[in-house]
């Protein structure tokens, strides 16, 4: 008979297990309000001498859960930046509707603006002012307490690798990567429920890109923010995005988790299980293709 001896009791306290952040991958189940709901969104532009109507966003529907990072992949001119501008109320819809936590972007525009913030590939600043001054201006626009906003801004930028000494020099003297980090800090300062990131790492050096990607993950996990992200970087999309929509000629041609989409092209099309294969299979294009947003070749 084998006797199992009790192990001696340790006096060292057991470490508290690290709790994984709650991940919500959509579409939202019945009864759950989406953080961002886009239904049949359509946007047309009149361009060229012949005044042709070009459909930049064509009947797009998405339902995104709170806490998701939802990626939009598309070649240049596919409509992804136009879609971001529609959600951010910078453009008006020609058809369909968009809601942020149940607030309609047309009917409840001011309420929506309090829930969202946007970072574009070409962030706009008062170039002669410092990051501190730019963020203080943004804080005042949103009615934030100046002292608390300053403390929060310093903390946010420190997490992005921007030391306090750099915060007093004019933005125009900062590198492209540093400016983009300041733009993200400015957006996060207002604690948006939905953060719209339009190619936030394009043109950044590898270190700055990694810093921003890590910070995006931290924002999602610690602020319970929903993030809509456009990107040209397939590795970035695979790392960050819970789900991905592929946009081609203004239409959604595929949607799913990165794993689902890669498995699909491998199983059904016999392609390599990579996001590059996914993109080529569903769009017939490369992410480097330039489709020209304005499509000014209407003379042909």
Protein backbone atom coordinates (compact mmCIF):
# COMPACT_ATOMS: atom_id res chain seq x y z
CA UNK A 1 0.00 0.00 0.00
CA UNK A 2 1.35 3.36 -1.04
CA UNK A 3 0.73 6.12 1.40
CA UNK A 4 0.49 9.63 0.06
CA UNK A 5 2.03 12.02 2.52
CA UNK A 6 0.57 15.48 3.02
CA UNK A 7 2.88 18.18 1.73
CA UNK A 8 4.16 20.52 4.41
CA UNK A 9 2.16 23.72 4.57
CA UNK A 10 4.09 26.70 3.34
CA UNK A 11 4.09 29.89 5.32
CA UNK A 12 4.72 31.88 2.14
CA UNK A 13 1.49 33.47 0.88
CA UNK A 14 0.36 32.33 -2.54
CA UNK A 15 0.63 34.98 -5.24
CA UNK A 16 -2.63 36.52 -6.37
CA UNK A 17 -3.44 35.21 -9.84
CA UNK A 18 -3.30 37.81 -12.59
CA UNK A 19 -6.75 38.46 -13.93
CA UNK A 20 -7.02 38.54 -17.67
CA UNK A 21 -8.87 41.57 -19.05
CA UNK A 22 -12.41 40.88 -20.19
CA UNK A 23 -12.42 40.37 -23.96
CA UNK A 24 -15.65 40.82 -25.84
CA UNK A 25 -15.55 39.68 -29.43
CA UNK A 26 -18.70 40.40 -31.43
CA UNK A 27 -21.08 40.53 -32.98
CA UNK A 28 -23.00 41.55 -29.86
CA UNK A 29 -25.46 38.92 -28.62
CA UNK A 30 -29.18 39.62 -28.63
CA UNK A 31 -30.10 42.22 -26.04
CA UNK A 32 -26.62 43.75 -25.75
CA UNK A 33 -26.29 47.29 -27.01
CA UNK A 34 -23.39 47.65 -29.46
CA UNK A 35 -20.76 50.25 -28.68
CA UNK A 36 -20.80 51.16 -32.36
CA UNK A 37 -23.58 50.28 -34.77
CA UNK A 38 -23.26 51.04 -38.48
CA UNK A 39 -26.22 50.08 -40.66
CA UNK A 40 -26.24 50.45 -44.46
CA UNK A 41 -23.93 53.48 -44.30
CA UNK A 42 -23.47 55.09 -47.71
CA UNK A 43 -21.45 58.10 -48.82
CA UNK A 44 -21.14 59.55 -52.33
CA UNK A 45 -18.88 62.28 -53.68
CA UNK A 46 -19.30 64.31 -56.85
CA UNK A 47 -15.89 64.53 -58.53
CA UNK A 48 -14.32 65.46 -61.82
CA UNK A 49 -15.44 67.66 -64.68
CA UNK A 50 -18.26 65.30 -65.58
CA UNK A 51 -19.67 65.54 -62.05
CA UNK A 52 -19.88 61.78 -61.67
CA UNK A 53 -21.14 60.41 -58.36
CA UNK A 54 -18.51 58.15 -56.79
CA UNK A 55 -19.68 55.84 -54.01
CA UNK A 56 -16.89 55.87 -51.42
CA UNK A 57 -18.79 53.90 -48.74
CA UNK A 58 -21.35 51.49 -50.12
CA UNK A 59 -24.04 49.98 -47.86
CA UNK A 60 -21.63 49.17 -45.00
CA UNK A 61 -23.02 47.41 -41.92
CA UNK A 62 -21.02 46.63 -38.75
CA UNK A 63 -21.97 45.88 -35.15
CA UNK A 64 -19.09 46.27 -32.69
CA UNK A 65 -19.08 45.28 -29.03
CA UNK A 66 -17.78 47.41 -26.21
CA UNK A 67 -14.16 46.49 -25.52
CA UNK A 68 -13.39 45.25 -29.03
CA UNK A 69 -10.56 46.36 -31.25
CA UNK A 70 -12.20 46.17 -34.65
CA UNK A 71 -9.89 46.51 -37.62
CA UNK A 72 -10.67 47.77 -41.10
CA UNK A 73 -8.29 46.67 -43.85
CA UNK A 74 -8.38 48.10 -47.33
CA UNK A 75 -6.12 49.40 -50.06
CA UNK A 76 -5.76 53.15 -50.48
CA UNK A 77 -9.04 54.53 -51.78
CA UNK A 78 -11.16 51.63 -50.54
CA UNK A 79 -13.26 53.92 -48.32
CA UNK A 80 -11.89 53.13 -44.87
CA UNK A 81 -10.88 56.71 -43.98
CA UNK A 82 -14.18 58.00 -45.32
CA UNK A 83 -15.96 55.55 -43.02
CA UNK A 84 -13.95 56.80 -40.03
CA UNK A 85 -14.86 60.39 -40.90
CA UNK A 86 -18.52 59.47 -41.13
CA UNK A 87 -18.48 57.89 -37.67
CA UNK A 88 -16.63 60.90 -36.26
CA UNK A 89 -19.35 63.24 -37.69
CA UNK A 90 -16.84 65.03 -39.95
CA UNK A 91 -18.86 63.88 -42.97
CA UNK A 92 -22.61 63.50 -43.37
CA UNK A 93 -24.27 60.25 -44.38
CA UNK A 94 -26.07 59.97 -47.70
CA UNK A 95 -27.85 56.85 -46.48
CA UNK A 96 -28.07 54.51 -43.52
CA UNK A 97 -27.39 55.32 -39.89
CA UNK A 98 -24.64 55.19 -37.27
CA UNK A 99 -25.11 54.96 -33.50
CA UNK A 100 -22.59 55.24 -30.66
CA UNK A 101 -24.00 53.56 -27.54
CA UNK A 102 -27.49 54.13 -28.88
CA UNK A 103 -26.88 57.80 -29.73
CA UNK A 104 -27.56 58.64 -33.37
CA UNK A 105 -24.71 60.62 -34.96
CA UNK A 106 -27.16 62.92 -36.78
CA UNK A 107 -29.93 63.38 -34.22
CA UNK A 108 -27.62 63.32 -31.16
CA UNK A 109 -24.46 64.78 -32.70
CA UNK A 110 -23.25 66.70 -29.64
CA UNK A 111 -23.78 63.72 -27.34
CA UNK A 112 -21.86 61.50 -29.76
CA UNK A 113 -18.95 63.94 -29.86
CA UNK A 114 -18.60 63.54 -26.10
CA UNK A 115 -18.28 59.77 -26.53
CA UNK A 116 -15.71 59.59 -29.34
CA UNK A 117 -12.30 60.85 -30.31
CA UNK A 118 -10.25 60.41 -33.46
CA UNK A 119 -6.58 60.08 -34.33
CA UNK A 120 -5.70 60.33 -38.00
CA UNK A 121 -2.52 59.53 -39.90
CA UNK A 122 -1.90 63.30 -40.19
CA UNK A 123 -2.72 64.61 -36.74
CA UNK A 124 -3.50 68.33 -36.59
CA UNK A 125 -1.91 70.54 -33.92
CA UNK A 126 -1.15 74.12 -33.15
CA UNK A 127 2.41 73.59 -34.30
CA UNK A 128 3.90 76.56 -32.46
CA UNK A 129 2.45 75.39 -29.15
CA UNK A 130 3.87 72.67 -26.92
CA UNK A 131 2.24 69.29 -26.27
CA UNK A 132 1.16 70.61 -22.86
CA UNK A 133 -0.54 73.60 -24.44
CA UNK A 134 -2.22 71.52 -27.14
CA UNK A 135 -3.55 69.05 -24.58
CA UNK A 136 -4.66 71.86 -22.26
CA UNK A 137 -6.65 73.35 -25.14
CA UNK A 138 -8.31 69.98 -25.82
CA UNK A 139 -9.11 69.58 -22.12
CA UNK A 140 -10.84 72.96 -22.05
CA UNK A 141 -12.93 72.08 -25.10
CA UNK A 142 -14.23 69.03 -23.25
CA UNK A 143 -14.77 70.91 -20.00
CA UNK A 144 -12.07 69.02 -18.07
CA UNK A 145 -10.46 70.37 -14.92
CA UNK A 146 -7.16 71.94 -16.00
CA UNK A 147 -5.04 70.66 -13.09
CA UNK A 148 -6.34 67.10 -13.28
CA UNK A 149 -5.97 67.12 -17.05
CA UNK A 150 -2.33 68.21 -16.76
CA UNK A 151 -1.52 65.40 -14.33
CA UNK A 152 -3.31 62.87 -16.51
CA UNK A 153 -1.58 64.14 -19.65
CA UNK A 154 1.86 63.74 -18.07
CA UNK A 155 1.00 60.19 -17.01
CA UNK A 156 -0.35 59.22 -20.43
CA UNK A 157 2.62 60.59 -22.32
CA UNK A 158 5.05 58.96 -19.90
CA UNK A 159 3.46 55.59 -20.76
CA UNK A 160 4.06 56.42 -24.41
CA UNK A 161 7.72 57.13 -23.75
CA UNK A 162 7.56 60.94 -23.83
CA UNK A 163 9.42 62.46 -20.89
CA UNK A 164 8.18 65.56 -19.11
CA UNK A 165 11.13 67.61 -20.39
CA UNK A 166 9.89 67.23 -23.95
CA UNK A 167 6.41 68.51 -23.16
CA UNK A 168 7.37 72.18 -23.20
CA UNK A 169 9.01 72.34 -26.65
CA UNK A 170 6.92 73.28 -29.71
CA UNK A 171 5.22 70.41 -31.47
CA UNK A 172 6.87 71.42 -34.76
CA UNK A 173 10.24 70.50 -33.23
CA UNK A 174 9.15 66.95 -32.46
CA UNK A 175 9.58 63.94 -34.71
CA UNK A 176 6.66 62.46 -36.65
CA UNK A 177 6.53 59.55 -34.20
CA UNK A 178 6.47 61.83 -31.18
CA UNK A 179 3.73 63.95 -32.71
CA UNK A 180 1.58 60.87 -33.30
CA UNK A 181 2.04 59.81 -29.67
CA UNK A 182 0.91 63.27 -28.56
CA UNK A 183 -2.17 62.91 -30.79
CA UNK A 184 -3.04 59.60 -29.13
CA UNK A 185 -2.50 61.12 -25.69
CA UNK A 186 -4.78 64.02 -26.61
CA UNK A 187 -7.48 61.61 -27.75
CA UNK A 188 -7.24 59.46 -24.63
CA UNK A 189 -7.26 62.49 -22.32
CA UNK A 190 -11.00 62.83 -22.92
CA UNK A 191 -11.64 59.17 -21.95
CA UNK A 192 -13.57 58.34 -25.12
CA UNK A 193 -15.94 55.40 -25.16
CA UNK A 194 -15.12 54.85 -28.84
CA UNK A 195 -11.62 55.65 -30.09
CA UNK A 196 -11.25 56.03 -33.86
CA UNK A 197 -7.69 55.34 -35.02
CA UNK A 198 -7.09 56.02 -38.72
CA UNK A 199 -3.70 54.45 -39.54
CA UNK A 200 -2.14 55.67 -36.27
CA UNK A 201 1.24 53.97 -36.82
CA UNK A 202 1.79 54.76 -40.51
CA UNK A 203 5.22 56.30 -41.04
CA UNK A 204 6.46 55.60 -37.52
CA UNK A 205 9.84 54.09 -36.80
CA UNK A 206 9.76 50.49 -35.44
CA UNK A 207 10.24 51.54 -31.80
CA UNK A 208 7.52 54.20 -31.91
CA UNK A 209 5.19 51.79 -33.73
CA UNK A 210 5.69 49.17 -31.01
CA UNK A 211 5.09 51.78 -28.28
CA UNK A 212 1.82 52.86 -29.90
CA UNK A 213 0.63 49.29 -30.50
CA UNK A 214 1.32 48.36 -26.88
CA UNK A 215 -0.49 51.46 -25.70
CA UNK A 216 -3.53 50.66 -27.87
CA UNK A 217 -3.77 47.27 -26.16
CA UNK A 218 -3.44 48.94 -22.76
CA UNK A 219 -6.19 51.43 -23.59
CA UNK A 220 -8.56 48.64 -24.54
CA UNK A 221 -7.75 46.57 -21.45
CA UNK A 222 -7.69 49.32 -18.82
CA UNK A 223 -10.19 51.88 -20.12
CA UNK A 224 -12.85 49.50 -21.47
CA UNK A 225 -12.69 51.47 -24.71
CA UNK A 226 -13.94 50.29 -28.06
CA UNK A 227 -11.40 50.92 -30.81
CA UNK A 228 -12.05 51.18 -34.53
CA UNK A 229 -8.68 50.86 -36.26
CA UNK A 230 -7.67 51.23 -39.90
CA UNK A 231 -4.23 49.98 -40.81
CA UNK A 232 -2.01 48.97 -43.71
CA UNK A 233 0.10 46.74 -41.46
CA UNK A 234 -1.08 43.11 -41.59
CA UNK A 235 1.10 42.12 -38.63
CA UNK A 236 -0.42 44.98 -36.65
CA UNK A 237 -3.94 43.87 -37.60
CA UNK A 238 -3.24 40.29 -36.55
CA UNK A 239 -1.74 41.41 -33.25
CA UNK A 240 -4.29 44.02 -32.22
CA UNK A 241 -7.64 43.25 -33.81
CA UNK A 242 -10.29 41.03 -32.28
CA UNK A 243 -12.19 41.14 -35.57
CA UNK A 244 -11.40 42.46 -39.02
CA UNK A 245 -13.53 43.74 -41.88
CA UNK A 246 -12.07 43.84 -45.39
CA UNK A 247 -13.23 46.86 -47.38
CA UNK A 248 -13.09 46.81 -51.17
CA UNK A 249 -14.58 49.55 -53.37
CA UNK A 250 -16.48 50.83 -50.35
CA UNK A 251 -18.07 47.46 -49.52
CA UNK A 252 -17.38 44.95 -46.74
CA UNK A 253 -16.31 41.77 -48.56
CA UNK A 254 -15.30 39.68 -45.53
CA UNK A 255 -15.49 39.89 -41.73
CA UNK A 256 -14.28 37.72 -38.88
CA UNK A 257 -11.51 37.16 -36.39
CA UNK A 258 -8.02 36.92 -37.89
CA UNK A 259 -7.96 33.20 -37.06
CA UNK A 260 -11.37 32.62 -38.69
CA UNK A 261 -10.41 34.42 -41.88
CA UNK A 262 -7.05 32.68 -42.19
CA UNK A 263 -8.63 29.29 -41.57
CA UNK A 264 -11.27 30.04 -44.20
CA UNK A 265 -8.85 30.84 -47.02
CA UNK A 266 -6.78 27.79 -46.14
CA UNK A 267 -9.76 25.42 -45.99
CA UNK A 268 -11.89 26.71 -48.85
CA UNK A 269 -9.33 28.22 -51.21
CA UNK A 270 -6.19 26.20 -50.48
CA UNK A 271 -4.19 29.36 -49.73
CA UNK A 272 -1.59 29.97 -47.06
CA UNK A 273 -3.27 30.78 -43.72
CA UNK A 274 -2.02 34.39 -43.58
CA UNK A 275 -3.78 37.74 -43.58
CA UNK A 276 -1.99 38.58 -46.82
CA UNK A 277 -3.66 35.57 -48.44
CA UNK A 278 -6.99 36.63 -46.92
CA UNK A 279 -6.67 40.12 -48.36
CA UNK A 280 -5.62 38.97 -51.83
CA UNK A 281 -8.36 36.30 -51.93
CA UNK A 282 -11.26 38.61 -51.09
CA UNK A 283 -10.14 41.80 -52.84
CA UNK A 284 -7.85 40.64 -55.63
CA UNK A 285 -5.55 43.50 -54.65
CA UNK A 286 -2.49 44.20 -52.57
CA UNK A 287 -2.62 46.55 -49.62
CA UNK A 288 -0.05 48.63 -51.50
CA UNK A 289 -2.43 49.26 -54.40
CA UNK A 290 -3.45 52.90 -54.64
CA UNK A 291 -7.06 53.13 -55.76
CA UNK A 292 -7.20 56.96 -55.44
CA UNK A 293 -9.94 58.12 -53.11
CA UNK A 294 -11.19 60.71 -55.57
CA UNK A 295 -11.08 58.38 -58.59
CA UNK A 296 -10.27 61.30 -60.84
CA UNK A 297 -9.84 59.10 -63.91
CA UNK A 298 -13.43 59.81 -64.93
CA UNK A 299 -12.30 61.09 -68.28
CA UNK A 300 -11.59 57.60 -69.55
